[in-house]
Amino acid sequence: MFGWIKGKMDNAKERIRIAKEINPKSFRVMAREISELADACSQVCSPESELLQRVERIKSEMEQLTELTRQPEFRKLSVQRKMELRQSLIQSKEQILESMQAAPSPTKLIQ
């Protein structure tokens, strides 16, 4: 009997967690974070690098995503699609962080 109740409670908690993750507001927050990271990365990158072009593209995509989350069509997307989009955003964030770490230092002197 208690196992059944515990199972129902666990399912409810999981649904609440997923609902928070795929909420349009959480996508906007993630997009803003990625845009801020992209801004920081663009300051570290050299002006003629290929990485800078990628970063600019990412920033424009994050602006598009922010606008998309405000549309009613976004709510109609399936949970699976939203979870895939969320995973893609997490991977983009990790890639930007890796790019920033791999960028050469702006000066040769140790500060």
PDB file of N, CA and C in Angstrom:
ATOM      1  N   MET A   1       0.823  -1.190   0.000  1.00  0.00           N
ATOM      2  CA  MET A   1       0.000   0.000   0.000  1.00  0.00           C
ATOM      3  C   MET A   1       0.873   1.262   0.000  1.00  0.00           C
ATOM      4  N   PHE A   2       1.846   1.315   0.927  1.00  0.00           N
ATOM      5  CA  PHE A   2       2.699   2.501   0.987  1.00  0.00           C
ATOM      6  C   PHE A   2       3.605   2.598  -0.232  1.00  0.00           C
ATOM      7  N   GLY A   3       3.971   1.478  -0.792  1.00  0.00           N
ATOM      8  CA  GLY A   3       4.782   1.491  -2.007  1.00  0.00           C
ATOM      9  C   GLY A   3       4.042   2.132  -3.159  1.00  0.00           C
ATOM     10  N   TRP A   4       2.751   1.867  -3.243  1.00  0.00           N
ATOM     11  CA  TRP A   4       1.923   2.455  -4.299  1.00  0.00           C
ATOM     12  C   TRP A   4       1.855   3.977  -4.138  1.00  0.00           C
ATOM     13  N   ILE A   5       1.654   4.435  -2.915  1.00  0.00           N
ATOM     14  CA  ILE A   5       1.580   5.871  -2.637  1.00  0.00           C
ATOM     15  C   ILE A   5       2.925   6.534  -2.927  1.00  0.00           C
ATOM     16  N   LYS A   6       4.006   5.879  -2.505  1.00  0.00           N
ATOM     17  CA  LYS A   6       5.335   6.412  -2.760  1.00  0.00           C
ATOM     18  C   LYS A   6       5.586   6.525  -4.260  1.00  0.00           C
ATOM     19  N   GLY A   7       5.159   5.519  -5.002  1.00  0.00           N
ATOM     20  CA  GLY A   7       5.314   5.558  -6.456  1.00  0.00           C
ATOM     21  C   GLY A   7       4.556   6.717  -7.080  1.00  0.00           C
ATOM     22  N   LYS A   8       3.342   6.940  -6.616  1.00  0.00           N
ATOM     23  CA  LYS A   8       2.545   8.061  -7.121  1.00  0.00           C
ATOM     24  C   LYS A   8       3.205   9.403  -6.782  1.00  0.00           C
ATOM     25  N   MET A   9       3.738   9.511  -5.570  1.00  0.00           N
ATOM     26  CA  MET A   9       4.417  10.743  -5.163  1.00  0.00           C
ATOM     27  C   MET A   9       5.674  10.971  -6.008  1.00  0.00           C
ATOM     28  N   ASP A  10       6.423   9.919  -6.260  1.00  0.00           N
ATOM     29  CA  ASP A  10       7.628  10.037  -7.085  1.00  0.00           C
ATOM     30  C   ASP A  10       7.274  10.475  -8.503  1.00  0.00           C
ATOM     31  N   ASN A  11       6.191   9.900  -9.046  1.00  0.00           N
ATOM     32  CA  ASN A  11       5.746  10.290 -10.388  1.00  0.00           C
ATOM     33  C   ASN A  11       5.330  11.754 -10.428  1.00  0.00           C
ATOM     34  N   ALA A  12       4.632  12.197  -9.392  1.00  0.00           N
ATOM     35  CA  ALA A  12       4.191  13.589  -9.335  1.00  0.00           C
ATOM     36  C   ALA A  12       5.399  14.529  -9.244  1.00  0.00           C
ATOM     37  N   LYS A  13       6.385  14.168  -8.435  1.00  0.00           N
ATOM     38  CA  LYS A  13       7.596  14.982  -8.316  1.00  0.00           C
ATOM     39  C   LYS A  13       8.326  15.066  -9.645  1.00  0.00           C
ATOM     40  N   GLU A  14       8.405  13.954 -10.348  1.00  0.00           N
ATOM     41  CA  GLU A  14       9.092  13.920 -11.650  1.00  0.00           C
ATOM     42  C   GLU A  14       8.361  14.803 -12.667  1.00  0.00           C
ATOM     43  N   ARG A  15       7.022  14.742 -12.672  1.00  0.00           N
ATOM     44  CA  ARG A  15       6.249  15.592 -13.588  1.00  0.00           C
ATOM     45  C   ARG A  15       6.451  17.068 -13.273  1.00  0.00           C
ATOM     46  N   ILE A  16       6.515  17.414 -11.990  1.00  0.00           N
ATOM     47  CA  ILE A  16       6.736  18.804 -11.594  1.00  0.00           C
ATOM     48  C   ILE A  16       8.129  19.260 -12.027  1.00  0.00           C
ATOM     49  N   ARG A  17       9.138  18.394 -11.846  1.00  0.00           N
ATOM     50  CA  ARG A  17      10.503  18.728 -12.247  1.00  0.00           C
ATOM     51  C   ARG A  17      10.574  18.973 -13.747  1.00  0.00           C
ATOM     52  N   ILE A  18       9.969  18.101 -14.516  1.00  0.00           N
ATOM     53  CA  ILE A  18       9.979  18.243 -15.974  1.00  0.00           C
ATOM     54  C   ILE A  18       9.227  19.496 -16.397  1.00  0.00           C
ATOM     55  N   ALA A  19       8.100  19.776 -15.748  1.00  0.00           N
ATOM     56  CA  ALA A  19       7.327  20.974 -16.084  1.00  0.00           C
ATOM     57  C   ALA A  19       8.151  22.238 -15.846  1.00  0.00           C
ATOM     58  N   LYS A  20       8.935  22.251 -14.787  1.00  0.00           N
ATOM     59  CA  LYS A  20       9.796  23.412 -14.524  1.00  0.00           C
ATOM     60  C   LYS A  20      10.889  23.524 -15.577  1.00  0.00           C
ATOM     61  N   GLU A  21      11.442  22.393 -15.998  1.00  0.00           N
ATOM     62  CA  GLU A  21      12.521  22.406 -16.985  1.00  0.00           C
ATOM     63  C   GLU A  21      12.054  22.871 -18.358  1.00  0.00           C
ATOM     64  N   ILE A  22      10.823  22.561 -18.728  1.00  0.00           N
ATOM     65  CA  ILE A  22      10.348  22.909 -20.067  1.00  0.00           C
ATOM     66  C   ILE A  22       9.455  24.138 -20.064  1.00  0.00           C
ATOM     67  N   ASN A  23       9.430  24.843 -18.969  1.00  0.00           N
ATOM     68  CA  ASN A  23       8.683  26.080 -18.872  1.00  0.00           C
ATOM     69  C   ASN A  23       9.332  27.121 -19.792  1.00  0.00           C
ATOM     70  N   PRO A  24       8.559  27.896 -20.548  1.00  0.00           N
ATOM     71  CA  PRO A  24       9.154  28.904 -21.434  1.00  0.00           C
ATOM     72  C   PRO A  24      10.072  29.879 -20.703  1.00  0.00           C
ATOM     73  N   LYS A  25       9.744  30.208 -19.470  1.00  0.00           N
ATOM     74  CA  LYS A  25      10.586  31.135 -18.712  1.00  0.00           C
ATOM     75  C   LYS A  25      11.971  30.539 -18.475  1.00  0.00           C
ATOM     76  N   SER A  26      12.052  29.255 -18.201  1.00  0.00           N
ATOM     77  CA  SER A  26      13.362  28.638 -17.975  1.00  0.00           C
ATOM     78  C   SER A  26      14.188  28.631 -19.265  1.00  0.00           C
ATOM     79  N   PHE A  27      13.527  28.499 -20.416  1.00  0.00           N
ATOM     80  CA  PHE A  27      14.251  28.591 -21.695  1.00  0.00           C
ATOM     81  C   PHE A  27      14.788  30.001 -21.911  1.00  0.00           C
ATOM     82  N   ARG A  28      13.994  31.006 -21.541  1.00  0.00           N
ATOM     83  CA  ARG A  28      14.458  32.382 -21.682  1.00  0.00           C
ATOM     84  C   ARG A  28      15.656  32.655 -20.769  1.00  0.00           C
ATOM     85  N   VAL A  29      15.619  32.100 -19.562  1.00  0.00           N
ATOM     86  CA  VAL A  29      16.735  32.269 -18.631  1.00  0.00           C
ATOM     87  C   VAL A  29      17.993  31.619 -19.200  1.00  0.00           C
ATOM     88  N   MET A  30      17.853  30.403 -19.719  1.00  0.00           N
ATOM     89  CA  MET A  30      19.005  29.711 -20.307  1.00  0.00           C
ATOM     90  C   MET A  30      19.534  30.474 -21.517  1.00  0.00           C
ATOM     91  N   ALA A  31      18.640  30.992 -22.349  1.00  0.00           N
ATOM     92  CA  ALA A  31      19.063  31.746 -23.530  1.00  0.00           C
ATOM     93  C   ALA A  31      19.802  33.015 -23.115  1.00  0.00           C
ATOM     94  N   ARG A  32      19.338  33.674 -22.064  1.00  0.00           N
ATOM     95  CA  ARG A  32      20.022  34.875 -21.587  1.00  0.00           C
ATOM     96  C   ARG A  32      21.415  34.526 -21.062  1.00  0.00           C
ATOM     97  N   GLU A  33      21.525  33.425 -20.314  1.00  0.00           N
ATOM     98  CA  GLU A  33      22.827  32.998 -19.798  1.00  0.00           C
ATOM     99  C   GLU A  33      23.800  32.705 -20.943  1.00  0.00           C
ATOM    100  N   ILE A  34      23.309  32.002 -21.953  1.00  0.00           N
ATOM    101  CA  ILE A  34      24.163  31.655 -23.086  1.00  0.00           C
ATOM    102  C   ILE A  34      24.566  32.920 -23.857  1.00  0.00           C
ATOM    103  N   SER A  35      23.642  33.867 -23.993  1.00  0.00           N
ATOM    104  CA  SER A  35      23.978  35.126 -24.667  1.00  0.00           C
ATOM    105  C   SER A  35      25.047  35.886 -23.898  1.00  0.00           C
ATOM    106  N   GLU A  36      24.943  35.899 -22.573  1.00  0.00           N
ATOM    107  CA  GLU A  36      25.953  36.574 -21.757  1.00  0.00           C
ATOM    108  C   GLU A  36      27.309  35.880 -21.880  1.00  0.00           C
ATOM    109  N   LEU A  37      27.301  34.550 -21.896  1.00  0.00           N
ATOM    110  CA  LEU A  37      28.552  33.821 -22.100  1.00  0.00           C
ATOM    111  C   LEU A  37      29.132  34.109 -23.477  1.00  0.00           C
ATOM    112  N   ALA A  38      28.255  34.186 -24.469  1.00  0.00           N
ATOM    113  CA  ALA A  38      28.717  34.489 -25.828  1.00  0.00           C
ATOM    114  C   ALA A  38      29.321  35.889 -25.894  1.00  0.00           C
ATOM    115  N   ASP A  39      28.730  36.843 -25.185  1.00  0.00           N
ATOM    116  CA  ASP A  39      29.306  38.192 -25.131  1.00  0.00           C
ATOM    117  C   ASP A  39      30.709  38.153 -24.520  1.00  0.00           C
ATOM    118  N   ALA A  40      30.829  37.432 -23.420  1.00  0.00           N
ATOM    119  CA  ALA A  40      32.138  37.322 -22.769  1.00  0.00           C
ATOM    120  C   ALA A  40      33.138  36.633 -23.681  1.00  0.00           C
ATOM    121  N   CYS A  41      32.692  35.609 -24.388  1.00  0.00           N
ATOM    122  CA  CYS A  41      33.575  34.877 -25.297  1.00  0.00           C
ATOM    123  C   CYS A  41      34.009  35.775 -26.459  1.00  0.00           C
ATOM    124  N   SER A  42      33.109  36.616 -26.935  1.00  0.00           N
ATOM    125  CA  SER A  42      33.471  37.496 -28.054  1.00  0.00           C
ATOM    126  C   SER A  42      34.521  38.521 -27.637  1.00  0.00           C
ATOM    127  N   GLN A  43      34.583  38.843 -26.368  1.00  0.00           N
ATOM    128  CA  GLN A  43      35.607  39.773 -25.894  1.00  0.00           C
ATOM    129  C   GLN A  43      36.964  39.094 -25.784  1.00  0.00           C
ATOM    130  N   VAL A  44      36.964  37.789 -25.593  1.00  0.00           N
ATOM    131  CA  VAL A  44      38.206  37.037 -25.453  1.00  0.00           C
ATOM    132  C   VAL A  44      38.772  36.648 -26.817  1.00  0.00           C
ATOM    133  N   CYS A  45      37.907  36.434 -27.780  1.00  0.00           N
ATOM    134  CA  CYS A  45      38.329  35.947 -29.099  1.00  0.00           C
ATOM    135  C   CYS A  45      38.970  37.055 -29.918  1.00  0.00           C
ATOM    136  N   SER A  46      39.826  36.634 -30.827  1.00  0.00           N
ATOM    137  CA  SER A  46      40.408  37.604 -31.747  1.00  0.00           C
ATOM    138  C   SER A  46      39.344  37.985 -32.784  1.00  0.00           C
ATOM    139  N   PRO A  47      39.376  39.228 -33.289  1.00  0.00           N
ATOM    140  CA  PRO A  47      38.319  39.720 -34.181  1.00  0.00           C
ATOM    141  C   PRO A  47      38.157  38.934 -35.480  1.00  0.00           C
ATOM    142  N   GLU A  48      39.212  38.331 -35.977  1.00  0.00           N
ATOM    143  CA  GLU A  48      39.096  37.634 -37.262  1.00  0.00           C
ATOM    144  C   GLU A  48      38.912  36.127 -37.119  1.00  0.00           C
ATOM    145  N   SER A  49      38.697  35.656 -35.922  1.00  0.00           N
ATOM    146  CA  SER A  49      38.609  34.214 -35.721  1.00  0.00           C
ATOM    147  C   SER A  49      37.260  33.653 -36.157  1.00  0.00           C
ATOM    148  N   GLU A  50      37.281  32.398 -36.498  1.00  0.00           N
ATOM    149  CA  GLU A  50      36.067  31.675 -36.873  1.00  0.00           C
ATOM    150  C   GLU A  50      35.151  31.518 -35.659  1.00  0.00           C
ATOM    151  N   LEU A  51      35.759  31.422 -34.514  1.00  0.00           N
ATOM    152  CA  LEU A  51      35.006  31.286 -33.270  1.00  0.00           C
ATOM    153  C   LEU A  51      34.110  32.496 -33.040  1.00  0.00           C
ATOM    154  N   LEU A  52      34.586  33.668 -33.364  1.00  0.00           N
ATOM    155  CA  LEU A  52      33.796  34.883 -33.183  1.00  0.00           C
ATOM    156  C   LEU A  52      32.541  34.846 -34.055  1.00  0.00           C
ATOM    157  N   GLN A  53      32.670  34.332 -35.254  1.00  0.00           N
ATOM    158  CA  GLN A  53      31.505  34.209 -36.133  1.00  0.00           C
ATOM    159  C   GLN A  53      30.488  33.235 -35.553  1.00  0.00           C
ATOM    160  N   ARG A  54      30.979  32.144 -34.988  1.00  0.00           N
ATOM    161  CA  ARG A  54      30.090  31.172 -34.341  1.00  0.00           C
ATOM    162  C   ARG A  54      29.382  31.795 -33.150  1.00  0.00           C
ATOM    163  N   VAL A  55      30.118  32.554 -32.376  1.00  0.00           N
ATOM    164  CA  VAL A  55      29.551  33.186 -31.191  1.00  0.00           C
ATOM    165  C   VAL A  55      28.454  34.174 -31.584  1.00  0.00           C
ATOM    166  N   GLU A  56      28.699  34.945 -32.633  1.00  0.00           N
ATOM    167  CA  GLU A  56      27.679  35.890 -33.104  1.00  0.00           C
ATOM    168  C   GLU A  56      26.425  35.148 -33.580  1.00  0.00           C
ATOM    169  N   ARG A  57      26.623  34.029 -34.241  1.00  0.00           N
ATOM    170  CA  ARG A  57      25.487  33.224 -34.687  1.00  0.00           C
ATOM    171  C   ARG A  57      24.704  32.691 -33.490  1.00  0.00           C
ATOM    172  N   ILE A  58      25.416  32.258 -32.469  1.00  0.00           N
ATOM    173  CA  ILE A  58      24.762  31.739 -31.265  1.00  0.00           C
ATOM    174  C   ILE A  58      23.941  32.837 -30.602  1.00  0.00           C
ATOM    175  N   LYS A  59      24.499  34.043 -30.542  1.00  0.00           N
ATOM    176  CA  LYS A  59      23.765  35.149 -29.926  1.00  0.00           C
ATOM    177  C   LYS A  59      22.471  35.443 -30.677  1.00  0.00           C
ATOM    178  N   SER A  60      22.528  35.425 -32.000  1.00  0.00           N
ATOM    179  CA  SER A  60      21.309  35.684 -32.771  1.00  0.00           C
ATOM    180  C   SER A  60      20.300  34.550 -32.603  1.00  0.00           C
ATOM    181  N   GLU A  61      20.782  33.313 -32.501  1.00  0.00           N
ATOM    182  CA  GLU A  61      19.878  32.184 -32.276  1.00  0.00           C
ATOM    183  C   GLU A  61      19.214  32.270 -30.905  1.00  0.00           C
ATOM    184  N   MET A  62      19.924  32.753 -29.921  1.00  0.00           N
ATOM    185  CA  MET A  62      19.346  32.901 -28.579  1.00  0.00           C
ATOM    186  C   MET A  62      18.272  33.987 -28.571  1.00  0.00           C
ATOM    187  N   GLU A  63      18.475  35.042 -29.356  1.00  0.00           N
ATOM    188  CA  GLU A  63      17.441  36.070 -29.486  1.00  0.00           C
ATOM    189  C   GLU A  63      16.193  35.490 -30.151  1.00  0.00           C
ATOM    190  N   GLN A  64      16.399  34.669 -31.184  1.00  0.00           N
ATOM    191  CA  GLN A  64      15.275  34.032 -31.861  1.00  0.00           C
ATOM    192  C   GLN A  64      14.542  33.081 -30.920  1.00  0.00           C
ATOM    193  N   LEU A  65      15.301  32.343 -30.119  1.00  0.00           N
ATOM    194  CA  LEU A  65      14.682  31.420 -29.170  1.00  0.00           C
ATOM    195  C   LEU A  65      13.858  32.172 -28.136  1.00  0.00           C
ATOM    196  N   THR A  66      14.380  33.290 -27.668  1.00  0.00           N
ATOM    197  CA  THR A  66      13.639  34.090 -26.690  1.00  0.00           C
ATOM    198  C   THR A  66      12.309  34.542 -27.280  1.00  0.00           C
ATOM    199  N   GLU A  67      12.336  34.971 -28.522  1.00  0.00           N
ATOM    200  CA  GLU A  67      11.091  35.387 -29.170  1.00  0.00           C
ATOM    201  C   GLU A  67      10.159  34.197 -29.385  1.00  0.00           C
ATOM    202  N   LEU A  68      10.710  33.067 -29.732  1.00  0.00           N
ATOM    203  CA  LEU A  68       9.901  31.867 -29.950  1.00  0.00           C
ATOM    204  C   LEU A  68       9.187  31.439 -28.672  1.00  0.00           C
ATOM    205  N   THR A  69       9.854  31.548 -27.538  1.00  0.00           N
ATOM    206  CA  THR A  69       9.229  31.121 -26.280  1.00  0.00           C
ATOM    207  C   THR A  69       8.060  32.010 -25.891  1.00  0.00           C
ATOM    208  N   ARG A  70       7.991  33.191 -26.466  1.00  0.00           N
ATOM    209  CA  ARG A  70       6.863  34.083 -26.181  1.00  0.00           C
ATOM    210  C   ARG A  70       5.659  33.799 -27.080  1.00  0.00           C
ATOM    211  N   GLN A  71       5.828  32.962 -28.077  1.00  0.00           N
ATOM    212  CA  GLN A  71       4.752  32.628 -29.004  1.00  0.00           C
ATOM    213  C   GLN A  71       3.897  31.490 -28.440  1.00  0.00           C
ATOM    214  N   PRO A  72       2.603  31.497 -28.719  1.00  0.00           N
ATOM    215  CA  PRO A  72       1.747  30.405 -28.232  1.00  0.00           C
ATOM    216  C   PRO A  72       2.100  29.045 -28.847  1.00  0.00           C
ATOM    217  N   GLU A  73       2.731  29.057 -30.014  1.00  0.00           N
ATOM    218  CA  GLU A  73       3.097  27.801 -30.661  1.00  0.00           C
ATOM    219  C   GLU A  73       4.140  27.028 -29.851  1.00  0.00           C
ATOM    220  N   PHE A  74       4.930  27.750 -29.079  1.00  0.00           N
ATOM    221  CA  PHE A  74       5.961  27.082 -28.284  1.00  0.00           C
ATOM    222  C   PHE A  74       5.327  26.136 -27.266  1.00  0.00           C
ATOM    223  N   ARG A  75       4.236  26.552 -26.678  1.00  0.00           N
ATOM    224  CA  ARG A  75       3.550  25.704 -25.688  1.00  0.00           C
ATOM    225  C   ARG A  75       2.969  24.441 -26.322  1.00  0.00           C
ATOM    226  N   LYS A  76       2.748  24.484 -27.630  1.00  0.00           N
ATOM    227  CA  LYS A  76       2.174  23.330 -28.321  1.00  0.00           C
ATOM    228  C   LYS A  76       3.215  22.271 -28.677  1.00  0.00           C
ATOM    229  N   LEU A  77       4.499  22.617 -28.530  1.00  0.00           N
ATOM    230  CA  LEU A  77       5.543  21.634 -28.818  1.00  0.00           C
ATOM    231  C   LEU A  77       5.436  20.474 -27.838  1.00  0.00           C
ATOM    232  N   SER A  78       5.828  19.305 -28.282  1.00  0.00           N
ATOM    233  CA  SER A  78       5.775  18.136 -27.408  1.00  0.00           C
ATOM    234  C   SER A  78       6.837  18.237 -26.310  1.00  0.00           C
ATOM    235  N   VAL A  79       6.605  17.508 -25.250  1.00  0.00           N
ATOM    236  CA  VAL A  79       7.552  17.484 -24.138  1.00  0.00           C
ATOM    237  C   VAL A  79       8.896  16.965 -24.621  1.00  0.00           C
ATOM    238  N   GLN A  80       8.879  15.979 -25.489  1.00  0.00           N
ATOM    239  CA  GLN A  80      10.120  15.407 -26.005  1.00  0.00           C
ATOM    240  C   GLN A  80      10.923  16.455 -26.762  1.00  0.00           C
ATOM    241  N   ARG A  81      10.262  17.252 -27.607  1.00  0.00           N
ATOM    242  CA  ARG A  81      10.949  18.306 -28.370  1.00  0.00           C
ATOM    243  C   ARG A  81      11.559  19.342 -27.433  1.00  0.00           C
ATOM    244  N   LYS A  82      10.797  19.720 -26.413  1.00  0.00           N
ATOM    245  CA  LYS A  82      11.298  20.717 -25.468  1.00  0.00           C
ATOM    246  C   LYS A  82      12.489  20.165 -24.685  1.00  0.00           C
ATOM    247  N   MET A  83      12.445  18.900 -24.332  1.00  0.00           N
ATOM    248  CA  MET A  83      13.572  18.294 -23.615  1.00  0.00           C
ATOM    249  C   MET A  83      14.804  18.229 -24.522  1.00  0.00           C
ATOM    250  N   GLU A  84      14.606  17.928 -25.807  1.00  0.00           N
ATOM    251  CA  GLU A  84      15.720  17.915 -26.754  1.00  0.00           C
ATOM    252  C   GLU A  84      16.307  19.318 -26.911  1.00  0.00           C
ATOM    253  N   LEU A  85      15.455  20.314 -26.975  1.00  0.00           N
ATOM    254  CA  LEU A  85      15.916  21.694 -27.076  1.00  0.00           C
ATOM    255  C   LEU A  85      16.693  22.087 -25.825  1.00  0.00           C
ATOM    256  N   ARG A  86      16.203  21.689 -24.682  1.00  0.00           N
ATOM    257  CA  ARG A  86      16.891  21.994 -23.424  1.00  0.00           C
ATOM    258  C   ARG A  86      18.278  21.344 -23.396  1.00  0.00           C
ATOM    259  N   GLN A  87      18.356  20.100 -23.827  1.00  0.00           N
ATOM    260  CA  GLN A  87      19.641  19.400 -23.866  1.00  0.00           C
ATOM    261  C   GLN A  87      20.596  20.078 -24.840  1.00  0.00           C
ATOM    262  N   SER A  88      20.076  20.539 -25.949  1.00  0.00           N
ATOM    263  CA  SER A  88      20.890  21.246 -26.932  1.00  0.00           C
ATOM    264  C   SER A  88      21.430  22.556 -26.349  1.00  0.00           C
ATOM    265  N   LEU A  89      20.618  23.252 -25.575  1.00  0.00           N
ATOM    266  CA  LEU A  89      21.065  24.487 -24.937  1.00  0.00           C
ATOM    267  C   LEU A  89      22.170  24.211 -23.917  1.00  0.00           C
ATOM    268  N   ILE A  90      22.033  23.148 -23.189  1.00  0.00           N
ATOM    269  CA  ILE A  90      23.066  22.774 -22.214  1.00  0.00           C
ATOM    270  C   ILE A  90      24.374  22.474 -22.929  1.00  0.00           C
ATOM    271  N   GLN A  91      24.305  21.763 -24.045  1.00  0.00           N
ATOM    272  CA  GLN A  91      25.508  21.455 -24.816  1.00  0.00           C
ATOM    273  C   GLN A  91      26.131  22.727 -25.392  1.00  0.00           C
ATOM    274  N   SER A  92      25.303  23.659 -25.846  1.00  0.00           N
ATOM    275  CA  SER A  92      25.825  24.919 -26.371  1.00  0.00           C
ATOM    276  C   SER A  92      26.557  25.692 -25.285  1.00  0.00           C
ATOM    277  N   LYS A  93      25.997  25.709 -24.112  1.00  0.00           N
ATOM    278  CA  LYS A  93      26.626  26.402 -22.984  1.00  0.00           C
ATOM    279  C   LYS A  93      27.990  25.786 -22.675  1.00  0.00           C
ATOM    280  N   GLU A  94      28.047  24.462 -22.663  1.00  0.00           N
ATOM    281  CA  GLU A  94      29.318  23.772 -22.396  1.00  0.00           C
ATOM    282  C   GLU A  94      30.342  24.072 -23.483  1.00  0.00           C
ATOM    283  N   GLN A  95      29.915  24.112 -24.739  1.00  0.00           N
ATOM    284  CA  GLN A  95      30.828  24.388 -25.840  1.00  0.00           C
ATOM    285  C   GLN A  95      31.390  25.812 -25.750  1.00  0.00           C
ATOM    286  N   ILE A  96      30.543  26.768 -25.366  1.00  0.00           N
ATOM    287  CA  ILE A  96      31.036  28.141 -25.225  1.00  0.00           C
ATOM    288  C   ILE A  96      32.065  28.213 -24.105  1.00  0.00           C
ATOM    289  N   LEU A  97      31.786  27.541 -23.002  1.00  0.00           N
ATOM    290  CA  LEU A  97      32.740  27.542 -21.893  1.00  0.00           C
ATOM    291  C   LEU A  97      34.067  26.912 -22.307  1.00  0.00           C
ATOM    292  N   GLU A  98      34.004  25.822 -23.054  1.00  0.00           N
ATOM    293  CA  GLU A  98      35.227  25.179 -23.544  1.00  0.00           C
ATOM    294  C   GLU A  98      35.979  26.103 -24.498  1.00  0.00           C
ATOM    295  N   SER A  99      35.256  26.811 -25.350  1.00  0.00           N
ATOM    296  CA  SER A  99      35.890  27.741 -26.285  1.00  0.00           C
ATOM    297  C   SER A  99      36.589  28.871 -25.542  1.00  0.00           C
ATOM    298  N   MET A 100      35.966  29.346 -24.492  1.00  0.00           N
ATOM    299  CA  MET A 100      36.577  30.419 -23.705  1.00  0.00           C
ATOM    300  C   MET A 100      37.848  29.928 -23.022  1.00  0.00           C
ATOM    301  N   GLN A 101      37.833  28.703 -22.548  1.00  0.00           N
ATOM    302  CA  GLN A 101      39.011  28.154 -21.890  1.00  0.00           C
ATOM    303  C   GLN A 101      40.136  27.908 -22.890  1.00  0.00           C
ATOM    304  N   ALA A 102      39.780  27.569 -24.114  1.00  0.00           N
ATOM    305  CA  ALA A 102      40.782  27.261 -25.129  1.00  0.00           C
ATOM    306  C   ALA A 102      41.326  28.519 -25.813  1.00  0.00           C
ATOM    307  N   ALA A 103      40.674  29.646 -25.612  1.00  0.00           N
ATOM    308  CA  ALA A 103      41.120  30.889 -26.266  1.00  0.00           C
ATOM    309  C   ALA A 103      42.492  31.294 -25.730  1.00  0.00           C
ATOM    310  N   PRO A 104      43.346  31.783 -26.626  1.00  0.00           N
ATOM    311  CA  PRO A 104      44.678  32.224 -26.172  1.00  0.00           C
ATOM    312  C   PRO A 104      44.555  33.464 -25.292  1.00  0.00           C
ATOM    313  N   SER A 105      45.502  33.609 -24.408  1.00  0.00           N
ATOM    314  CA  SER A 105      45.474  34.783 -23.533  1.00  0.00           C
ATOM    315  C   SER A 105      45.804  36.041 -24.352  1.00  0.00           C
ATOM    316  N   PRO A 106      45.217  37.170 -23.986  1.00  0.00           N
ATOM    317  CA  PRO A 106      45.423  38.390 -24.781  1.00  0.00           C
ATOM    318  C   PRO A 106      46.831  38.950 -24.681  1.00  0.00           C
ATOM    319  N   THR A 107      47.550  38.639 -23.605  1.00  0.00           N
ATOM    320  CA  THR A 107      48.932  39.112 -23.473  1.00  0.00           C
ATOM    321  C   THR A 107      49.840  37.946 -23.144  1.00  0.00           C
ATOM    322  N   LYS A 108      51.104  38.145 -23.387  1.00  0.00           N
ATOM    323  CA  LYS A 108      52.065  37.097 -23.084  1.00  0.00           C
ATOM    324  C   LYS A 108      52.574  37.195 -21.647  1.00  0.00           C
ATOM    325  N   LEU A 109      52.362  38.337 -21.016  1.00  0.00           N
ATOM    326  CA  LEU A 109      52.816  38.533 -19.648  1.00  0.00           C
ATOM    327  C   LEU A 109      51.824  37.933 -18.658  1.00  0.00           C
ATOM    328  N   ILE A 110      52.344  37.318 -17.642  1.00  0.00           N
ATOM    329  CA  ILE A 110      51.493  36.777 -16.597  1.00  0.00           C
ATOM    330  C   ILE A 110      51.066  37.924 -15.696  1.00  0.00           C
ATOM    331  N   GLN A 111      49.798  38.017 -15.447  1.00  0.00           N
ATOM    332  CA  GLN A 111      49.275  39.130 -14.647  1.00  0.00           C
ATOM    333  C   GLN A 111      49.394  38.838 -13.164  1.00  0.00           C
TER     334      GLN A 111
END
